[in-house]
Amino acid sequence: MRNRRLPAGVCSGAMIVTLIMLLTGSPGISQEKPLYNRLGGYDAIAEREQRLNLGFFMPATIAFNLVAMIAVRFQTVFFIEKGHHVIVASLQLAAAFGYWLYGMRFFARIIPLVIETRREWREAPLHAD
């Protein structure tokens, strides 16, 4: 029987989209957000992180995987037959772990801001429309 659980990437993506929705506003809640305004808005934080992800992490990942693919293709004896493919796999695993740590640090940094903003939203009056 086929495993019907969602891949981790889809779950992570859904979590990020949900967090971005929480950070950028909630429909029906007053836009008067003192903490949000005091911090210059979460939009600046989210935009900076997106630029880092799209400008550095994704191109670096693609470049590394492309170089690894070419190296394995042209140096098959070294990487496959002699077992040095473990080097590439270890580098990929180390990079993935580093990116995971980076993500956890980012979320740990913004969670207090999210909690405070959500508290302010709960205390704010709803729109009259």
Foldseek 3Di string as FASTA:
>chain_A
DDDPDDDPVVVVVVVVVVVVDLQQDDPQFDPPFVLCVVVVGCVVVVVVVVCCCVVPVVVVVVVLVVVLVVCCVVVVCVCPVVPVVVVSVVVVVVSVVVVVVVVVVSCVVCVVVSVSRVVVRVVGDTDPD
